[in-house]
C-alpha cells in the first residue's frame, strides 16, 4: 500500500477530504518519528513497537573493486509487531 492509497482509505472511512486525511497522517507519522528520536521507543498497543537501534562500525567489501572499507557506526529504526498483529496474519 502506498501513501496515496492509505490517504484514500482514511479519507473514505472518516469522511474527510483527501487533503485533510493526508495532513493528519503526516502529523501522526512525524510524531512517531519524533517520539522514537526523543525516547528511543514508540509503542502502539495491538500493532507494534518502533525502536531506535544502533549498528556497530564494521568492515564491508565493495563488490566492484573487492576493496575492504570501514563503515561507520549508525542508528536505524526497527519495528517489532505486536502479538495480536502477528496472530491476525
Protein backbone atom coordinates (compact mmCIF):
# COMPACT_ATOMS: atom_id res chain seq x y z
CA UNK A 1 0.00 0.00 0.00
CA UNK A 2 1.31 3.43 -0.91
CA UNK A 3 0.80 6.69 0.95
CA UNK A 4 -1.77 7.81 -1.66
CA UNK A 5 -3.76 4.59 -1.19
CA UNK A 6 -3.65 5.00 2.59
CA UNK A 7 -4.85 8.60 2.29
CA UNK A 8 -7.77 7.46 0.12
CA UNK A 9 -8.81 4.75 2.59
CA UNK A 10 -8.57 7.08 5.60
CA UNK A 11 -10.48 9.82 3.77
CA UNK A 12 -13.26 7.41 2.76
CA UNK A 13 -13.63 5.85 6.22
CA UNK A 14 -13.52 9.13 8.11
CA UNK A 15 -15.49 11.23 5.63
CA UNK A 16 -12.64 13.74 5.41
CA UNK A 17 -11.18 15.29 2.30
CA UNK A 18 -8.04 13.68 0.92
CA UNK A 19 -6.10 16.82 1.82
CA UNK A 20 -7.23 16.66 5.47
CA UNK A 21 -6.55 12.95 5.70
CA UNK A 22 -3.04 13.46 4.26
CA UNK A 23 -2.33 16.21 6.79
CA UNK A 24 -3.49 14.02 9.69
CA UNK A 25 -1.36 11.08 8.51
CA UNK A 26 1.68 13.36 8.11
CA UNK A 27 1.19 14.67 11.66
CA UNK A 28 0.84 11.14 13.06
CA UNK A 29 3.95 9.76 11.35
CA UNK A 30 6.02 12.88 12.13
CA UNK A 31 5.15 12.50 15.81
CA UNK A 32 6.03 8.79 15.76
CA UNK A 33 9.43 9.75 14.30
CA UNK A 34 9.95 12.43 16.95
CA UNK A 35 8.98 10.03 19.74
CA UNK A 36 11.45 7.40 18.53
CA UNK A 37 14.18 10.03 18.27
CA UNK A 38 13.47 11.51 21.71
CA UNK A 39 12.53 8.44 23.77
CA UNK A 40 14.20 5.76 21.57
CA UNK A 41 10.87 3.93 21.50
CA UNK A 42 7.22 4.32 20.44
CA UNK A 43 4.63 1.67 21.18
CA UNK A 44 1.11 1.36 19.77
CA UNK A 45 -0.78 -1.40 21.62
CA UNK A 46 -2.10 -4.15 19.39
CA UNK A 47 0.04 -3.02 16.45
CA UNK A 48 3.70 -2.90 17.43
CA UNK A 49 6.72 -1.01 18.67
CA UNK A 50 9.19 1.19 16.82
CA UNK A 51 12.58 1.45 18.48
CA UNK A 52 15.93 3.08 17.84
CA UNK A 53 18.68 0.56 17.14
CA UNK A 54 22.41 1.11 17.00
CA UNK A 55 24.65 -0.58 14.45
CA UNK A 56 28.31 -1.09 15.24
CA UNK A 57 31.09 0.04 12.93
CA UNK A 58 32.13 -2.79 10.64
CA UNK A 59 34.19 -3.66 7.60
CA UNK A 60 32.46 -4.16 4.28
CA UNK A 61 33.64 -5.20 0.83
CA UNK A 62 33.00 -3.16 -2.28
CA UNK A 63 31.69 -5.80 -4.74
CA UNK A 64 33.01 -3.94 -7.80
CA UNK A 65 36.60 -3.50 -6.64
CA UNK A 66 36.86 -6.10 -3.84
CA UNK A 67 38.30 -3.29 -1.71
CA UNK A 68 37.68 -3.56 2.04
CA UNK A 69 36.14 -0.42 3.53
CA UNK A 70 35.14 0.72 7.00
CA UNK A 71 31.50 1.56 7.60
CA UNK A 72 30.84 3.96 10.47
CA UNK A 73 28.52 3.15 13.35
CA UNK A 74 24.97 4.27 12.63
CA UNK A 75 21.46 4.33 14.03
CA UNK A 76 18.33 2.91 12.45
CA UNK A 77 14.69 2.38 13.34
CA UNK A 78 13.38 -1.12 13.91
CA UNK A 79 9.79 -2.33 14.13
CA UNK A 80 8.55 -5.25 16.17
CA UNK A 81 4.93 -6.26 15.55
CA UNK A 82 2.62 -6.91 18.48
CA UNK A 83 1.44 -10.44 19.20
CA UNK A 84 -2.11 -9.52 18.11
CA UNK A 85 -0.88 -8.31 14.73
CA UNK A 86 1.24 -11.43 14.19
CA UNK A 87 -1.68 -13.71 15.04
CA UNK A 88 -4.01 -11.89 12.65
CA UNK A 89 -1.77 -12.57 9.63
